[in-house]
Amino acid sequence: ISERTGRTSLFLDGSEFMVSYVGHDGNVY
């Protein structure tokens, strides 16, 4: 879901991006 539009977004095959998340140890990866 786009933070800008609030709508779901479809990504084409091969689209590249960065992912971040909070791990179980509390660190961000």
Full PDB file with SEQRES, HELIX, SHEET, SSBOND, CRYST1, ORIGX, SCALE, CONECT and MASTER records, all heavy atoms in Angstrom:
SEQRES   1 A   29  ILE SER GLU ARG THR GLY ARG THR SER LEU PHE LEU ASP          
SEQRES   2 A   29  GLY SER GLU PHE MET VAL SER TYR VAL GLY HIS ASP GLY          
SEQRES   3 A   29  ASN VAL TYR                                                  
CRYST1    1.000    1.000    1.000  90.00  90.00  90.00 P 1           1          
ORIGX1      1.000000  0.000000  0.000000        0.00000                         
ORIGX2      0.000000  1.000000  0.000000        0.00000                         
ORIGX3      0.000000  0.000000  1.000000        0.00000                         
SCALE1      1.000000  0.000000  0.000000        0.00000                         
SCALE2      0.000000  1.000000  0.000000        0.00000                         
SCALE3      0.000000  0.000000  1.000000        0.00000                         
ATOM      1  N   ILE A   1       0.852  -1.190   0.000  1.00  0.00           N  
ATOM      2  CA  ILE A   1       0.000   0.000   0.000  1.00  0.00           C  
ATOM      3  C   ILE A   1       0.886   1.238   0.000  1.00  0.00           C  
ATOM      4  O   ILE A   1       1.777   1.378   0.835  1.00  0.00           O  
ATOM      5  CB  ILE A   1      -0.920   0.028   1.226  1.00  0.00           C  
ATOM      6  CG1 ILE A   1      -1.874  -1.175   1.191  1.00  0.00           C  
ATOM      7  CG2 ILE A   1      -1.720   1.327   1.287  1.00  0.00           C  
ATOM      8  CD1 ILE A   1      -2.750  -1.279   2.425  1.00  0.00           C  
ATOM      9  N   SER A   2       0.656   2.124  -0.934  1.00  0.00           N  
ATOM     10  CA  SER A   2       1.439   3.350  -1.044  1.00  0.00           C  
ATOM     11  C   SER A   2       1.142   4.274   0.132  1.00  0.00           C  
ATOM     12  O   SER A   2      -0.024   4.517   0.464  1.00  0.00           O  
ATOM     13  CB  SER A   2       1.111   4.071  -2.357  1.00  0.00           C  
ATOM     14  OG  SER A   2       1.655   5.374  -2.371  1.00  0.00           O  
ATOM     15  N   GLU A   3       2.194   4.793   0.771  1.00  0.00           N  
ATOM     16  CA  GLU A   3       1.994   5.757   1.855  1.00  0.00           C  
ATOM     17  C   GLU A   3       1.463   7.082   1.321  1.00  0.00           C  
ATOM     18  O   GLU A   3       0.824   7.837   2.032  1.00  0.00           O  
ATOM     19  CB  GLU A   3       3.312   5.996   2.602  1.00  0.00           C  
ATOM     20  CG  GLU A   3       3.797   4.791   3.366  1.00  0.00           C  
ATOM     21  CD  GLU A   3       5.055   5.098   4.146  1.00  0.00           C  
ATOM     22  OE1 GLU A   3       5.548   6.241   4.060  1.00  0.00           O  
ATOM     23  OE2 GLU A   3       5.558   4.195   4.835  1.00  0.00           O  
ATOM     24  N   ARG A   4       1.736   7.353   0.072  1.00  0.00           N  
ATOM     25  CA  ARG A   4       1.324   8.625  -0.529  1.00  0.00           C  
ATOM     26  C   ARG A   4      -0.142   8.625  -0.940  1.00  0.00           C  
ATOM     27  O   ARG A   4      -0.873   9.586  -0.680  1.00  0.00           O  
ATOM     28  CB  ARG A   4       2.200   8.934  -1.746  1.00  0.00           C  
ATOM     29  CG  ARG A   4       1.872  10.242  -2.462  1.00  0.00           C  
ATOM     30  CD  ARG A   4       2.888  10.507  -3.573  1.00  0.00           C  
ATOM     31  NE  ARG A   4       2.965   9.396  -4.501  1.00  0.00           N  
ATOM     32  CZ  ARG A   4       2.121   9.237  -5.529  1.00  0.00           C  
ATOM     33  NH1 ARG A   4       1.152  10.110  -5.745  1.00  0.00           N  
ATOM     34  NH2 ARG A   4       2.256   8.204  -6.342  1.00  0.00           N  
ATOM     35  N   THR A   5      -0.600   7.539  -1.540  1.00  0.00           N  
ATOM     36  CA  THR A   5      -1.974   7.494  -2.067  1.00  0.00           C  
ATOM     37  C   THR A   5      -2.921   6.658  -1.224  1.00  0.00           C  
ATOM     38  O   THR A   5      -4.141   6.803  -1.324  1.00  0.00           O  
ATOM     39  CB  THR A   5      -1.977   6.928  -3.494  1.00  0.00           C  
ATOM     40  OG1 THR A   5      -1.566   5.542  -3.461  1.00  0.00           O  
ATOM     41  CG2 THR A   5      -1.033   7.713  -4.392  1.00  0.00           C  
ATOM     42  N   GLY A   6      -2.370   5.744  -0.398  1.00  0.00           N  
ATOM     43  CA  GLY A   6      -3.210   4.855   0.387  1.00  0.00           C  
ATOM     44  C   GLY A   6      -3.811   3.733  -0.433  1.00  0.00           C  
ATOM     45  O   GLY A   6      -4.708   3.024   0.034  1.00  0.00           O  
ATOM     46  N   ARG A   7      -3.312   3.526  -1.641  1.00  0.00           N  
ATOM     47  CA  ARG A   7      -3.847   2.501  -2.534  1.00  0.00           C  
ATOM     48  C   ARG A   7      -2.838   1.370  -2.720  1.00  0.00           C  
ATOM     49  O   ARG A   7      -1.638   1.576  -2.598  1.00  0.00           O  
ATOM     50  CB  ARG A   7      -4.193   3.104  -3.903  1.00  0.00           C  
ATOM     51  CG  ARG A   7      -5.262   4.190  -3.835  1.00  0.00           C  
ATOM     52  CD  ARG A   7      -5.481   4.787  -5.219  1.00  0.00           C  
ATOM     53  NE  ARG A   7      -6.487   5.836  -5.191  1.00  0.00           N  
ATOM     54  CZ  ARG A   7      -6.821   6.584  -6.246  1.00  0.00           C  
ATOM     55  NH1 ARG A   7      -6.201   6.388  -7.409  1.00  0.00           N  
ATOM     56  NH2 ARG A   7      -7.756   7.510  -6.141  1.00  0.00           N  
ATOM     57  N   THR A   8      -3.366   0.176  -3.020  1.00  0.00           N  
ATOM     58  CA  THR A   8      -2.473  -0.937  -3.319  1.00  0.00           C  
ATOM     59  C   THR A   8      -1.771  -0.685  -4.641  1.00  0.00           C  
ATOM     60  O   THR A   8      -2.303  -0.004  -5.523  1.00  0.00           O  
ATOM     61  CB  THR A   8      -3.252  -2.261  -3.401  1.00  0.00           C  
ATOM     62  OG1 THR A   8      -4.290  -2.137  -4.373  1.00  0.00           O  
ATOM     63  CG2 THR A   8      -3.859  -2.609  -2.053  1.00  0.00           C  
ATOM     64  N   SER A   9      -0.575  -1.224  -4.760  1.00  0.00           N  
ATOM     65  CA  SER A   9       0.227  -0.991  -5.955  1.00  0.00           C  
ATOM     66  C   SER A   9       0.687  -2.329  -6.541  1.00  0.00           C  
ATOM     67  O   SER A   9       1.021  -3.263  -5.808  1.00  0.00           O  
ATOM     68  CB  SER A   9       1.453  -0.134  -5.624  1.00  0.00           C  
ATOM     69  OG  SER A   9       1.065   1.110  -5.090  1.00  0.00           O  
ATOM     70  N   LEU A  10       0.672  -2.409  -7.855  1.00  0.00           N  
ATOM     71  CA  LEU A  10       1.147  -3.593  -8.555  1.00  0.00           C  
ATOM     72  C   LEU A  10       2.550  -3.334  -9.087  1.00  0.00           C  
ATOM     73  O   LEU A  10       2.792  -2.325  -9.744  1.00  0.00           O  
ATOM     74  CB  LEU A  10       0.205  -3.948  -9.713  1.00  0.00           C  
ATOM     75  CG  LEU A  10      -1.211  -4.369  -9.318  1.00  0.00           C  
ATOM     76  CD1 LEU A  10      -2.043  -4.616 -10.580  1.00  0.00           C  
ATOM     77  CD2 LEU A  10      -1.180  -5.612  -8.451  1.00  0.00           C  
ATOM     78  N   PHE A  11       3.463  -4.233  -8.780  1.00  0.00           N  
ATOM     79  CA  PHE A  11       4.833  -4.113  -9.255  1.00  0.00           C  
ATOM     80  C   PHE A  11       5.054  -5.096 -10.399  1.00  0.00           C  
ATOM     81  O   PHE A  11       4.638  -6.252 -10.320  1.00  0.00           O  
ATOM     82  CB  PHE A  11       5.823  -4.409  -8.127  1.00  0.00           C  
ATOM     83  CG  PHE A  11       5.877  -3.354  -7.063  1.00  0.00           C  
ATOM     84  CD1 PHE A  11       4.960  -3.344  -6.022  1.00  0.00           C  
ATOM     85  CD2 PHE A  11       6.851  -2.374  -7.100  1.00  0.00           C  
ATOM     86  CE1 PHE A  11       5.007  -2.378  -5.034  1.00  0.00           C  
ATOM     87  CE2 PHE A  11       6.912  -1.401  -6.112  1.00  0.00           C  
ATOM     88  CZ  PHE A  11       5.986  -1.396  -5.089  1.00  0.00           C  
ATOM     89  N   LEU A  12       5.720  -4.660 -11.432  1.00  0.00           N  
ATOM     90  CA  LEU A  12       6.030  -5.524 -12.552  1.00  0.00           C  
ATOM     91  C   LEU A  12       7.102  -6.533 -12.160  1.00  0.00           C  
ATOM     92  O   LEU A  12       7.933  -6.273 -11.276  1.00  0.00           O  
ATOM     93  CB  LEU A  12       6.523  -4.698 -13.747  1.00  0.00           C  
ATOM     94  CG  LEU A  12       5.537  -3.683 -14.336  1.00  0.00           C  
ATOM     95  CD1 LEU A  12       6.220  -2.883 -15.448  1.00  0.00           C  
ATOM     96  CD2 LEU A  12       4.289  -4.381 -14.866  1.00  0.00           C  
ATOM     97  N   ASP A  13       7.087  -7.695 -12.790  1.00  0.00           N  
ATOM     98  CA  ASP A  13       8.137  -8.686 -12.550  1.00  0.00           C  
ATOM     99  C   ASP A  13       9.490  -8.049 -12.857  1.00  0.00           C  
ATOM    100  O   ASP A  13       9.658  -7.350 -13.861  1.00  0.00           O  
ATOM    101  CB  ASP A  13       7.930  -9.900 -13.450  1.00  0.00           C  
ATOM    102  CG  ASP A  13       6.695 -10.706 -13.068  1.00  0.00           C  
ATOM    103  OD1 ASP A  13       6.022 -10.316 -12.105  1.00  0.00           O  
ATOM    104  OD2 ASP A  13       6.413 -11.708 -13.750  1.00  0.00           O  
ATOM    105  N   GLY A  14      10.439  -8.280 -11.963  1.00  0.00           N  
ATOM    106  CA  GLY A  14      11.758  -7.698 -12.144  1.00  0.00           C  
ATOM    107  C   GLY A  14      11.945  -6.368 -11.434  1.00  0.00           C  
ATOM    108  O   GLY A  14      13.065  -5.855 -11.367  1.00  0.00           O  
ATOM    109  N   SER A  15      10.853  -5.798 -10.896  1.00  0.00           N  
ATOM    110  CA  SER A  15      10.957  -4.539 -10.159  1.00  0.00           C  
ATOM    111  C   SER A  15      11.858  -4.733  -8.943  1.00  0.00           C  
ATOM    112  O   SER A  15      11.718  -5.704  -8.200  1.00  0.00           O  
ATOM    113  CB  SER A  15       9.576  -4.060  -9.706  1.00  0.00           C  
ATOM    114  OG  SER A  15       8.728  -3.807 -10.795  1.00  0.00           O  
ATOM    115  N   GLU A  16      12.774  -3.805  -8.740  1.00  0.00           N  
ATOM    116  CA  GLU A  16      13.703  -3.892  -7.620  1.00  0.00           C  
ATOM    117  C   GLU A  16      13.392  -2.812  -6.592  1.00  0.00           C  
ATOM    118  O   GLU A  16      12.968  -1.709  -6.948  1.00  0.00           O  
ATOM    119  CB  GLU A  16      15.144  -3.741  -8.111  1.00  0.00           C  
ATOM    120  CG  GLU A  16      15.575  -4.832  -9.081  1.00  0.00           C  
ATOM    121  CD  GLU A  16      17.006  -4.663  -9.550  1.00  0.00           C  
ATOM    122  OE1 GLU A  16      17.581  -3.574  -9.329  1.00  0.00           O  
ATOM    123  OE2 GLU A  16      17.560  -5.613 -10.115  1.00  0.00           O  
ATOM    124  N   PHE A  17      13.589  -3.120  -5.321  1.00  0.00           N  
ATOM    125  CA  PHE A  17      13.352  -2.147  -4.264  1.00  0.00           C  
ATOM    126  C   PHE A  17      14.089  -2.554  -2.999  1.00  0.00           C  
ATOM    127  O   PHE A  17      14.614  -3.663  -2.903  1.00  0.00           O  
ATOM    128  CB  PHE A  17      11.853  -1.966  -3.989  1.00  0.00           C  
ATOM    129  CG  PHE A  17      11.068  -3.250  -3.903  1.00  0.00           C  
ATOM    130  CD1 PHE A  17      11.186  -4.095  -2.820  1.00  0.00           C  
ATOM    131  CD2 PHE A  17      10.200  -3.603  -4.926  1.00  0.00           C  
ATOM    132  CE1 PHE A  17      10.447  -5.263  -2.729  1.00  0.00           C  
ATOM    133  CE2 PHE A  17       9.461  -4.779  -4.862  1.00  0.00           C  
ATOM    134  CZ  PHE A  17       9.590  -5.608  -3.761  1.00  0.00           C  
ATOM    135  N   MET A  18      14.111  -1.631  -2.027  1.00  0.00           N  
ATOM    136  CA  MET A  18      14.703  -1.892  -0.714  1.00  0.00           C  
ATOM    137  C   MET A  18      13.596  -2.221   0.277  1.00  0.00           C  
ATOM    138  O   MET A  18      12.510  -1.652   0.220  1.00  0.00           O  
ATOM    139  CB  MET A  18      15.481  -0.675  -0.216  1.00  0.00           C  
ATOM    140  CG  MET A  18      16.725  -0.331  -0.998  1.00  0.00           C  
ATOM    141  SD  MET A  18      18.001  -1.624  -0.876  1.00  0.00           S  
ATOM    142  CE  MET A  18      18.306  -1.661   0.911  1.00  0.00           C  
ATOM    143  N   VAL A  19      13.887  -3.137   1.189  1.00  0.00           N  
ATOM    144  CA  VAL A  19      12.932  -3.544   2.218  1.00  0.00           C  
ATOM    145  C   VAL A  19      13.564  -3.325   3.590  1.00  0.00           C  
ATOM    146  O   VAL A  19      14.750  -3.626   3.783  1.00  0.00           O  
ATOM    147  CB  VAL A  19      12.552  -5.028   2.067  1.00  0.00           C  
ATOM    148  CG1 VAL A  19      11.649  -5.471   3.209  1.00  0.00           C  
ATOM    149  CG2 VAL A  19      11.868  -5.269   0.722  1.00  0.00           C  
ATOM    150  N   SER A  20      12.803  -2.799   4.539  1.00  0.00           N  
ATOM    151  CA  SER A  20      13.281  -2.663   5.916  1.00  0.00           C  
ATOM    152  C   SER A  20      12.234  -3.203   6.868  1.00  0.00           C  
ATOM    153  O   SER A  20      11.036  -3.193   6.558  1.00  0.00           O  
ATOM    154  CB  SER A  20      13.617  -1.204   6.253  1.00  0.00           C  
ATOM    155  OG  SER A  20      12.490  -0.375   6.116  1.00  0.00           O  
ATOM    156  N   TYR A  21      12.672  -3.668   8.037  1.00  0.00           N  
ATOM    157  CA  TYR A  21      11.750  -4.244   9.029  1.00  0.00           C  
ATOM    158  C   TYR A  21      12.454  -4.311  10.377  1.00  0.00           C  
ATOM    159  O   TYR A  21      13.684  -4.198  10.471  1.00  0.00           O  
ATOM    160  CB  TYR A  21      11.295  -5.636   8.599  1.00  0.00           C  
ATOM    161  CG  TYR A  21      12.396  -6.674   8.655  1.00  0.00           C  
ATOM    162  CD1 TYR A  21      12.535  -7.528   9.743  1.00  0.00           C  
ATOM    163  CD2 TYR A  21      13.319  -6.774   7.615  1.00  0.00           C  
ATOM    164  CE1 TYR A  21      13.551  -8.459   9.803  1.00  0.00           C  
ATOM    165  CE2 TYR A  21      14.354  -7.698   7.669  1.00  0.00           C  
ATOM    166  CZ  TYR A  21      14.463  -8.537   8.762  1.00  0.00           C  
ATOM    167  OH  TYR A  21      15.487  -9.440   8.826  1.00  0.00           O  
ATOM    168  N   VAL A  22      11.667  -4.494  11.427  1.00  0.00           N  
ATOM    169  CA  VAL A  22      12.216  -4.665  12.777  1.00  0.00           C  
ATOM    170  C   VAL A  22      12.368  -6.159  13.037  1.00  0.00           C  
ATOM    171  O   VAL A  22      11.399  -6.923  12.942  1.00  0.00           O  
ATOM    172  CB  VAL A  22      11.289  -4.052  13.841  1.00  0.00           C  
ATOM    173  CG1 VAL A  22      11.856  -4.286  15.241  1.00  0.00           C  
ATOM    174  CG2 VAL A  22      11.117  -2.561  13.606  1.00  0.00           C  
ATOM    175  N   GLY A  23      13.582  -6.591  13.364  1.00  0.00           N  
ATOM    176  CA  GLY A  23      13.837  -7.991  13.663  1.00  0.00           C  
ATOM    177  C   GLY A  23      13.390  -8.367  15.064  1.00  0.00           C  
ATOM    178  O   GLY A  23      13.043  -7.509  15.885  1.00  0.00           O  
ATOM    179  N   HIS A  24      13.406  -9.660  15.359  1.00  0.00           N  
ATOM    180  CA  HIS A  24      12.986 -10.135  16.680  1.00  0.00           C  
ATOM    181  C   HIS A  24      13.897  -9.623  17.789  1.00  0.00           C  
ATOM    182  O   HIS A  24      13.525  -9.596  18.963  1.00  0.00           O  
ATOM    183  CB  HIS A  24      12.944 -11.662  16.704  1.00  0.00           C  
ATOM    184  CG  HIS A  24      14.274 -12.316  16.447  1.00  0.00           C  
ATOM    185  ND1 HIS A  24      15.214 -12.483  17.433  1.00  0.00           N  
ATOM    186  CD2 HIS A  24      14.825 -12.819  15.315  1.00  0.00           C  
ATOM    187  CE1 HIS A  24      16.289 -13.065  16.930  1.00  0.00           C  
ATOM    188  NE2 HIS A  24      16.096 -13.277  15.643  1.00  0.00           N  
ATOM    189  N   ASP A  25      15.127  -9.206  17.415  1.00  0.00           N  
ATOM    190  CA  ASP A  25      16.073  -8.685  18.399  1.00  0.00           C  
ATOM    191  C   ASP A  25      15.918  -7.183  18.623  1.00  0.00           C  
ATOM    192  O   ASP A  25      16.668  -6.575  19.381  1.00  0.00           O  
ATOM    193  CB  ASP A  25      17.509  -8.986  17.973  1.00  0.00           C  
ATOM    194  CG  ASP A  25      17.847  -8.420  16.585  1.00  0.00           C  
ATOM    195  OD1 ASP A  25      16.974  -7.770  15.973  1.00  0.00           O  
ATOM    196  OD2 ASP A  25      18.984  -8.631  16.131  1.00  0.00           O  
ATOM    197  N   GLY A  26      14.934  -6.575  17.945  1.00  0.00           N  
ATOM    198  CA  GLY A  26      14.693  -5.148  18.118  1.00  0.00           C  
ATOM    199  C   GLY A  26      15.477  -4.267  17.172  1.00  0.00           C  
ATOM    200  O   GLY A  26      15.263  -3.068  17.116  1.00  0.00           O  
ATOM    201  N   ASN A  27      16.414  -4.851  16.418  1.00  0.00           N  
ATOM    202  CA  ASN A  27      17.176  -4.074  15.447  1.00  0.00           C  
ATOM    203  C   ASN A  27      16.382  -3.898  14.154  1.00  0.00           C  
ATOM    204  O   ASN A  27      15.492  -4.689  13.845  1.00  0.00           O  
ATOM    205  CB  ASN A  27      18.501  -4.774  15.122  1.00  0.00           C  
ATOM    206  CG  ASN A  27      19.477  -4.682  16.268  1.00  0.00           C  
ATOM    207  OD1 ASN A  27      19.667  -3.628  16.855  1.00  0.00           O  
ATOM    208  ND2 ASN A  27      20.111  -5.803  16.597  1.00  0.00           N  
ATOM    209  N   VAL A  28      16.737  -2.878  13.402  1.00  0.00           N  
ATOM    210  CA  VAL A  28      16.126  -2.643  12.102  1.00  0.00           C  
ATOM    211  C   VAL A  28      17.079  -3.149  11.025  1.00  0.00           C  
ATOM    212  O   VAL A  28      18.273  -2.853  11.056  1.00  0.00           O  
ATOM    213  CB  VAL A  28      15.828  -1.144  11.888  1.00  0.00           C  
ATOM    214  CG1 VAL A  28      15.220  -0.917  10.503  1.00  0.00           C  
ATOM    215  CG2 VAL A  28      14.879  -0.640  12.957  1.00  0.00           C  
ATOM    216  N   TYR A  29      16.552  -3.921  10.085  1.00  0.00           N  
ATOM    217  CA  TYR A  29      17.366  -4.498   9.020  1.00  0.00           C  
ATOM    218  C   TYR A  29      16.847  -4.060   7.651  1.00  0.00           C  
ATOM    219  O   TYR A  29      15.661  -3.759   7.485  1.00  0.00           O  
ATOM    220  CB  TYR A  29      17.348  -6.024   9.100  1.00  0.00           C  
ATOM    221  CG  TYR A  29      18.031  -6.567  10.324  1.00  0.00           C  
ATOM    222  CD1 TYR A  29      17.331  -6.756  11.512  1.00  0.00           C  
ATOM    223  CD2 TYR A  29      19.387  -6.870  10.313  1.00  0.00           C  
ATOM    224  CE1 TYR A  29      17.953  -7.240  12.649  1.00  0.00           C  
ATOM    225  CE2 TYR A  29      20.023  -7.367  11.442  1.00  0.00           C  
ATOM    226  CZ  TYR A  29      19.306  -7.549  12.604  1.00  0.00           C  
ATOM    227  OH  TYR A  29      19.925  -8.023  13.725  1.00  0.00           O  
TER     228      TYR A  29                                                      
MASTER        0    0    0    0    0    0    0    6  227    1    0    3          
END                                                                             
